[in-house]
Protein backbone atom coordinates (compact mmCIF):
# COMPACT_ATOMS: atom_id res chain seq x y z
CA MET A 1 132.66 137.70 92.10
CA SER A 2 134.89 141.27 92.04
CA GLY A 3 136.25 141.46 95.19
CA ASN A 4 134.64 145.40 96.08
CA ARG A 5 131.48 142.69 96.83
CA SER A 6 132.57 140.16 99.75
CA PHE A 7 131.00 142.35 102.24
CA TRP A 8 127.69 141.07 100.45
CA PHE A 9 127.80 137.87 101.95
CA ARG A 10 128.85 138.32 105.76
CA LEU A 11 126.46 137.16 108.15
CA LEU A 12 124.68 140.16 110.44
CA VAL A 13 124.21 139.74 114.21
CA LEU A 14 120.49 140.04 114.04
CA SER A 15 118.12 141.19 117.22
CA PRO A 16 115.43 138.57 118.29
CA LEU A 17 113.17 140.61 116.81
CA ALA A 18 114.86 141.31 113.37
CA PHE A 19 114.41 136.88 113.31
CA VAL A 20 110.86 137.08 114.17
CA LEU A 21 110.05 139.28 111.40
CA LEU A 22 112.67 137.25 109.14
CA PHE A 23 111.18 134.00 109.82
CA ASN A 24 107.71 135.26 109.14
CA SER A 25 108.49 137.03 105.89
CA CYS A 26 107.61 134.33 103.86
CA SER A 27 103.90 133.35 105.21
CA CYS A 28 101.11 133.54 102.66
CA GLU A 29 97.87 134.79 103.67
CA ARG A 30 95.49 133.95 105.70
CA PRO A 31 94.63 130.09 104.92
CA PRO A 32 91.24 129.48 104.01
CA ARG A 33 88.36 126.54 106.31
CA VAL A 34 88.65 123.58 105.12
CA ASP A 35 87.19 121.66 107.97
CA HIS A 36 83.91 121.41 105.99
CA ILE A 37 85.26 119.35 103.12
CA GLU A 38 84.82 115.78 102.86
CA VAL A 39 87.80 113.86 102.01
CA ASP A 40 88.23 109.99 102.81
CA ILE A 41 91.88 109.07 102.46
CA ASN A 42 92.82 105.47 101.58
CA LEU A 43 96.27 104.79 102.89
CA ILE A 44 97.64 101.24 102.38
CA PRO A 45 100.34 100.24 104.48
CA PHE A 46 101.47 97.93 101.38
CA TYR A 47 104.63 96.83 102.89
CA GLU A 48 103.37 96.02 106.37
CA ASP A 49 101.03 92.96 103.79
CA LEU A 50 104.25 92.14 101.64
CA PHE A 51 106.68 91.76 104.16
CA SER A 52 103.35 89.40 106.46
CA ILE A 53 104.50 87.28 104.29
CA ASN A 54 106.83 84.18 104.80
CA PRO A 55 109.06 83.43 101.82
CA ASP A 56 109.54 80.22 101.54
CA SER A 57 105.69 80.86 100.81
CA PHE A 58 105.35 83.46 98.66
CA HIS A 59 104.63 81.40 95.72
CA LEU A 60 100.95 81.05 97.54
CA GLU A 61 100.03 84.50 98.00
CA LEU A 62 100.97 86.00 94.72
CA ASP A 63 97.74 85.07 93.64
CA ARG A 64 96.24 87.34 96.62
CA LEU A 65 98.73 89.88 95.65
CA LYS A 66 97.84 90.27 92.17
CA LYS A 67 94.14 90.03 92.79
CA THR A 68 94.77 93.02 96.15
CA TYR A 69 97.37 95.09 94.49
CA GLY A 70 96.66 94.73 90.73
CA LYS A 71 98.67 97.61 87.84
CA TYR A 72 99.98 98.61 91.38
CA LEU A 73 102.43 95.57 92.35
CA GLU A 74 103.33 95.39 88.56
CA ALA A 75 104.24 98.62 89.10
CA TYR A 76 106.32 98.91 92.13
CA SER A 77 108.00 95.52 91.20
CA LEU A 78 108.45 96.60 87.86
CA GLY A 79 109.72 100.05 88.47
CA VAL A 80 110.89 100.23 92.39
CA ILE A 81 112.44 97.37 93.26
CA GLY A 82 113.36 95.67 89.95
CA ALA A 83 112.03 92.29 90.57
CA GLY A 84 110.41 91.74 87.03
CA HIS A 85 106.25 91.61 85.94
CA PRO A 86 104.31 89.16 88.31
CA ASP A 87 103.86 87.01 85.25
CA ASP A 88 107.24 86.52 84.75
CA SER A 89 109.04 83.02 85.43
CA ASP A 90 111.38 84.48 88.12
CA TYR A 91 109.33 86.71 90.25
CA VAL A 92 108.78 84.63 92.33
CA GLU A 93 112.39 83.63 93.37
CA ASN A 94 113.44 87.58 92.65
CA MET A 95 110.98 88.23 95.94
CA ARG A 96 112.17 85.28 97.84
CA PHE A 97 115.28 86.89 97.87
CA PHE A 98 113.75 90.59 98.31
CA LEU A 99 111.81 89.44 101.45
CA ASN A 100 114.89 87.71 103.18
CA TYR A 101 117.44 90.25 102.05
CA GLU A 102 118.47 91.02 105.69
CA PRO A 103 119.10 94.71 105.26
CA ASN A 104 115.33 94.82 104.36
CA GLN A 105 114.65 93.35 107.94
CA GLU A 106 116.26 95.72 109.88
CA VAL A 107 114.77 99.03 107.90
CA LEU A 108 111.52 97.25 108.31
CA ASP A 109 111.36 97.28 111.99
CA THR A 110 112.31 100.95 112.42
CA VAL A 111 110.31 102.08 109.61
CA ARG A 112 107.60 100.59 112.19
CA HIS A 113 109.11 102.00 115.09
CA VAL A 114 108.75 105.51 113.25
CA PHE A 115 105.65 105.18 111.55
CA HIS A 116 104.01 102.85 114.12
CA ASP A 117 100.80 106.16 114.42
CA LYS A 118 99.55 106.10 111.08
CA ASP A 119 96.02 107.61 111.92
CA ALA A 120 98.37 110.88 112.83
CA LEU A 121 99.95 110.60 109.19
CA LYS A 122 96.82 110.31 108.16
CA ARG A 123 95.45 113.19 109.32
CA GLU A 124 98.04 115.09 108.54
CA LEU A 125 97.48 113.96 105.22
CA THR A 126 93.21 114.63 104.93
CA LYS A 127 94.06 118.69 105.79
CA ALA A 128 96.24 118.76 103.49
CA PHE A 129 93.29 116.98 100.28
CA GLN A 130 90.73 119.04 102.02
CA TYR A 131 93.06 122.23 100.75
CA TYR A 132 93.65 120.89 97.69
CA LEU A 133 89.65 120.29 97.22
CA TYR A 134 89.26 123.79 98.19
CA TYR A 135 91.87 125.04 95.22
CA PHE A 136 91.27 121.90 92.82
CA PRO A 137 87.84 121.09 93.67
CA ASP A 138 87.49 118.70 90.61
CA GLU A 139 90.73 116.69 90.96
CA PRO A 140 90.54 113.30 92.16
CA VAL A 141 92.23 112.11 95.67
CA PRO A 142 94.61 109.01 94.86
CA ASP A 143 94.72 106.31 97.29
CA ILE A 144 98.14 106.47 99.36
CA TYR A 145 100.25 103.46 99.51
CA LEU A 146 103.28 103.00 101.67
CA HIS A 147 106.06 100.91 100.76
CA ILE A 148 109.82 100.07 101.29
CA SER A 149 111.90 100.99 97.81
CA GLY A 150 115.17 99.83 99.39
CA PHE A 151 116.25 103.68 99.42
CA ASN A 152 115.42 104.18 95.54
CA GLN A 153 112.70 106.78 94.67
CA ASN A 154 111.05 108.68 97.24
CA MET A 155 108.02 108.84 95.58
CA VAL A 156 105.81 107.13 93.09
CA VAL A 157 102.94 108.07 91.47
CA ASP A 158 100.34 107.34 88.44
CA SER A 159 96.81 108.65 87.84
CA THR A 160 94.98 107.47 90.76
CA TRP A 161 97.00 106.67 93.61
CA LEU A 162 100.70 107.55 94.62
CA SER A 163 103.32 105.76 96.73
CA ILE A 164 105.44 106.32 99.53
CA SER A 165 109.02 104.62 100.04
CA VAL A 166 108.53 105.54 104.60
CA GLU A 167 112.65 104.24 104.95
CA GLN A 168 113.12 108.11 102.99
CA TYR A 169 111.64 109.52 105.98
CA LEU A 170 113.30 107.77 109.35
CA GLY A 171 114.71 110.29 110.76
CA ALA A 172 118.24 112.49 109.74
CA ASP A 173 119.87 111.04 112.62
CA CYS A 174 119.01 107.20 111.53
CA ILE A 175 122.28 105.08 110.96
CA PHE A 176 121.04 103.73 107.56
CA TYR A 177 121.90 107.62 106.41
CA GLU A 178 125.58 107.31 107.59
CA TRP A 179 125.53 104.03 106.42
CA LEU A 180 124.49 104.93 102.81
CA SER A 181 126.94 107.79 102.90
CA VAL A 182 123.46 110.42 102.37
CA PRO A 183 126.20 114.17 103.21
CA MET A 184 124.68 115.87 106.21
CA TYR A 185 122.84 118.74 103.71
CA LEU A 186 120.65 116.28 102.76
CA ARG A 187 119.68 114.41 105.81
CA ARG A 188 117.57 117.31 107.03
CA THR A 189 115.42 116.10 104.83
CA LYS A 190 114.80 112.51 105.70
CA VAL A 191 112.33 113.57 108.39
CA THR A 192 108.38 112.37 108.98
CA GLU A 193 107.39 115.73 108.81
CA LYS A 194 108.02 116.09 104.99
CA VAL A 195 106.42 113.00 104.25
CA VAL A 196 103.33 115.28 103.84
CA PRO A 197 104.92 118.43 101.75
CA ASP A 198 106.28 115.52 99.75
CA VAL A 199 103.09 113.85 98.96
CA MET A 200 101.41 117.06 97.28
CA LYS A 201 104.82 118.45 95.56
CA ALA A 202 105.23 114.85 94.13
CA ILE A 203 101.16 115.18 93.17
CA ALA A 204 102.45 119.26 91.99
CA MET A 205 104.92 117.75 89.35
CA SER A 206 102.51 114.96 88.08
CA ARG A 207 100.10 117.19 87.33
CA TYR A 208 101.66 120.47 86.12
CA LEU A 209 104.66 119.12 84.18
CA TYR A 210 107.60 121.36 83.57
CA ASN A 211 107.91 123.00 79.94
CA ASP A 212 111.57 122.92 79.27
CA SER A 213 110.67 124.27 75.50
CA ILE A 214 112.48 127.31 77.68
CA ASP A 215 114.98 125.81 79.83
CA ASP A 216 116.91 128.46 81.05
CA LEU A 217 117.69 129.94 84.54
CA ALA A 218 114.39 132.20 84.66
CA ASN A 219 112.00 129.26 83.50
CA GLN A 220 113.14 126.70 86.31
CA MET A 221 113.33 129.28 89.06
CA ILE A 222 109.98 130.13 88.78
CA TYR A 223 108.72 126.33 88.05
CA ASN A 224 110.18 125.30 91.57
CA GLY A 225 109.05 128.17 92.99
CA LYS A 226 105.61 127.37 91.66
CA LEU A 227 105.96 124.21 93.04
CA LEU A 228 107.12 125.51 96.54
CA TRP A 229 104.03 128.30 96.61
CA PHE A 230 101.43 125.27 95.16
CA VAL A 231 103.29 123.20 98.70
CA LYS A 232 102.63 126.02 100.86
CA HIS A 233 98.99 126.70 100.28
CA MET A 234 98.45 122.91 101.07
CA VAL A 235 100.12 122.44 104.61
CA PRO A 236 99.62 126.69 105.03
CA ASP A 237 101.28 125.55 108.31
CA ILE A 238 104.38 124.97 107.54
CA PRO A 239 107.80 126.18 108.37
CA ASP A 240 109.95 127.87 106.13
CA THR A 241 113.14 125.59 107.07
CA LEU A 242 111.22 122.35 106.36
CA LEU A 243 109.37 124.14 102.90
CA PHE A 244 112.92 124.93 101.70
CA ASP A 245 115.37 122.27 103.01
CA PHE A 246 117.17 125.06 104.63
CA SER A 247 118.64 125.01 108.36
CA LYS A 248 117.21 128.23 110.46
CA GLU A 249 120.85 129.86 109.94
CA GLN A 250 120.52 129.49 106.23
CA MET A 251 116.79 130.61 106.11
CA ALA A 252 118.57 133.68 107.85
CA TRP A 253 121.24 133.75 105.85
CA VAL A 254 119.08 134.19 102.10
CA LYS A 255 116.38 136.16 103.48
CA ARG A 256 119.62 138.95 104.49
CA PHE A 257 120.84 138.66 101.67
CA GLU A 258 117.98 137.94 98.89
CA LYS A 259 118.50 141.23 97.47
CA ASP A 260 122.67 140.77 96.91
CA MET A 261 122.38 137.51 95.63
CA TRP A 262 119.70 138.71 92.70
CA ALA A 263 122.47 141.33 91.88
CA VAL A 264 124.41 138.64 91.40
CA VAL A 265 122.22 136.36 89.01
CA VAL A 266 121.82 139.85 86.86
CA GLU A 267 125.17 140.96 86.56
CA GLN A 268 126.47 137.88 85.43
CA LYS A 269 123.93 137.30 82.97
CA HIS A 270 122.65 133.88 84.06
CA LEU A 271 119.45 134.63 83.90
CA PHE A 272 118.11 133.39 80.52
CA SER A 273 121.42 131.47 80.56
CA THR A 274 120.86 127.76 79.41
CA ASP A 275 124.62 126.56 80.08
CA ARG A 276 123.83 123.20 82.52
CA MET A 277 126.46 123.36 85.02
CA THR A 278 124.86 127.27 85.75
CA LEU A 279 121.54 125.82 86.50
CA GLN A 280 123.32 122.88 88.57
CA ARG A 281 124.90 125.49 90.74
CA TYR A 282 121.41 127.82 90.94
CA ILE A 283 119.00 124.69 90.96
CA GLY A 284 120.67 121.56 91.77
CA LYS A 285 120.59 119.42 95.45
CA SER A 286 124.33 120.58 96.31
CA PRO A 287 126.14 122.01 99.77
CA PHE A 288 126.05 125.59 98.77
CA THR A 289 124.86 127.57 95.63
CA PHE A 290 128.62 127.92 93.62
CA PHE A 291 127.91 131.96 93.08
CA PHE A 292 127.34 133.23 96.55
CA GLY A 293 129.77 131.27 98.42
CA GLN A 294 129.95 129.04 101.38
CA ASP A 295 127.45 130.09 103.68
CA SER A 296 125.09 129.49 101.78
CA PRO A 297 122.87 127.00 100.99
CA GLY A 298 122.33 125.32 98.04
CA ARG A 299 119.09 125.82 95.44
CA THR A 300 119.00 129.16 96.71
CA GLY A 301 117.15 129.55 92.98
CA HIS A 302 113.93 127.71 94.72
CA TYR A 303 113.73 129.86 96.60
CA ILE A 304 114.54 132.87 94.37
CA GLY A 305 111.84 131.73 92.41
CA TYR A 306 109.15 131.08 95.57
CA ARG A 307 110.04 135.30 95.95
CA ILE A 308 109.36 135.84 91.97
CA ILE A 309 106.05 133.76 92.46
CA GLN A 310 104.93 136.00 95.76
CA SER A 311 105.99 139.08 93.98
CA PHE A 312 103.88 137.81 90.80
CA MET A 313 100.55 136.83 93.26
CA ARG A 314 100.84 140.11 95.17
CA ARG A 315 100.53 142.28 91.67
CA ASN A 316 97.64 139.78 89.95
CA PRO A 317 95.64 138.97 92.98
CA ASP A 318 93.21 138.03 90.60
CA VAL A 319 95.02 134.96 89.56
CA THR A 320 94.27 132.23 91.44
CA LEU A 321 96.44 129.34 91.76
CA GLN A 322 95.03 127.01 89.75
CA GLU A 323 95.79 129.52 87.08
CA LEU A 324 99.07 129.87 87.65
CA MET A 325 100.03 126.10 88.38
CA GLU A 326 98.42 126.19 84.46
CA MET A 327 100.77 128.73 83.47
CA ASP A 328 104.29 127.15 82.09
CA ASN A 329 105.75 130.62 81.08
CA GLY A 330 107.89 131.83 83.29
CA HIS A 331 109.21 134.60 80.87
CA GLU A 332 105.91 135.87 81.30
CA ILE A 333 105.81 134.87 84.89
CA PHE A 334 108.75 136.97 85.94
CA ALA A 335 107.52 140.06 83.64
CA ALA A 336 104.08 139.97 85.46
CA ALA A 337 105.65 139.74 88.56
CA ARG A 338 108.11 142.07 88.16
CA TYR A 339 110.17 141.04 91.44
CA ARG A 340 112.31 143.66 92.75
CA PRO A 341 113.82 141.88 96.19
C-alpha cells in the first residue's frame, strides 16, 4: 500500500449518533410476518442418548442404536468421530474408548450446563425455519441432531438431517478453547447465539454450492455475501457483529473504511485475481486482513461481498431470495450491482 494512503486506516472518534447510524446500516428491509407458518422441528439430543450408555454395555445397546438412528449413526461414526462403520468388528471397542475418554466426559458436563434449555433452542430454530419456509416454501425441514464430535466440524449436513457439534458453542471464555489454543479472534464465534445462524448458513451452503468454474476474488466475495444475506433473512434480528463475526470496534472500522478498502481492491487489481494467497488474505479466517493493516478484521472480503449483494438487491427489487441464491455467476451479480461504496 502506498504511503499516501496510510491515513485511510486511522480510526476516527465517532459521535454517539454516528455509532447508532453505523450499526444499523447493514439492516435488511422489514422482515415478513411468519407466525402463521407451521413448523415442527424434530430436535434430537443424540449425545444424551449415546453418553447415557455404560461403555462396558455398549455391545448390548448397538442394535437399538442402529434401529433408532440408522444412516445417521453410520455418518456420525464414520465421518464425525472416526469410529468406523457400526458393522465393523472393532466398532464396539472404538466406541467404548470414545465413551470412556475422560476429556469427553468433561465436555459432556459443560454441554449439559450450557445447553440445559433445549426448548429455547427449539424455539429459535422454529422461528428461523418459519422464515426459511416463507422464502422457500417447497423445501423440507431437516431433523436437527445434537452431537459431541471431539471438537471436529461445527455442522454435518445430509439431505434429510443436520447435526450440530454442541461443544463448538460453549462460550468464548470456555477453558476448552484455551486448552486447544483456539485463537482469540475465533473464540467469539463459539457462542450459543451462533448456533441458529450457523445452522441456516450450513443449509444454504449445502443447497447452493459454490461455482468454482469462476474461482476468483469477485466470485468468492459474492458467494460469501450471498450466504450472509441468506442468514440475515433467516435470522432478521441478528446483530451485525454476530453476522460478520466482528467485534464492535471492527464493525465500526469496516463501515468507516469501506470506500477505502474497495479502492485498495481495485487499485491492486485483486478483484479478478485467482491467486490462492490473495484470495485467502481476503476470505480466509485470520486476525486481520493483510492488505488493510492490523486494525482491520479478518475476512473483510465477506463483508464487501455482503455489501455488493445489498447493492444488487436494491437495484433489482424484483429478484427473490430464492432467485438470488440460484444465481451462481458472481460476475453477473457484480455487474448488475453497480457497487459504489
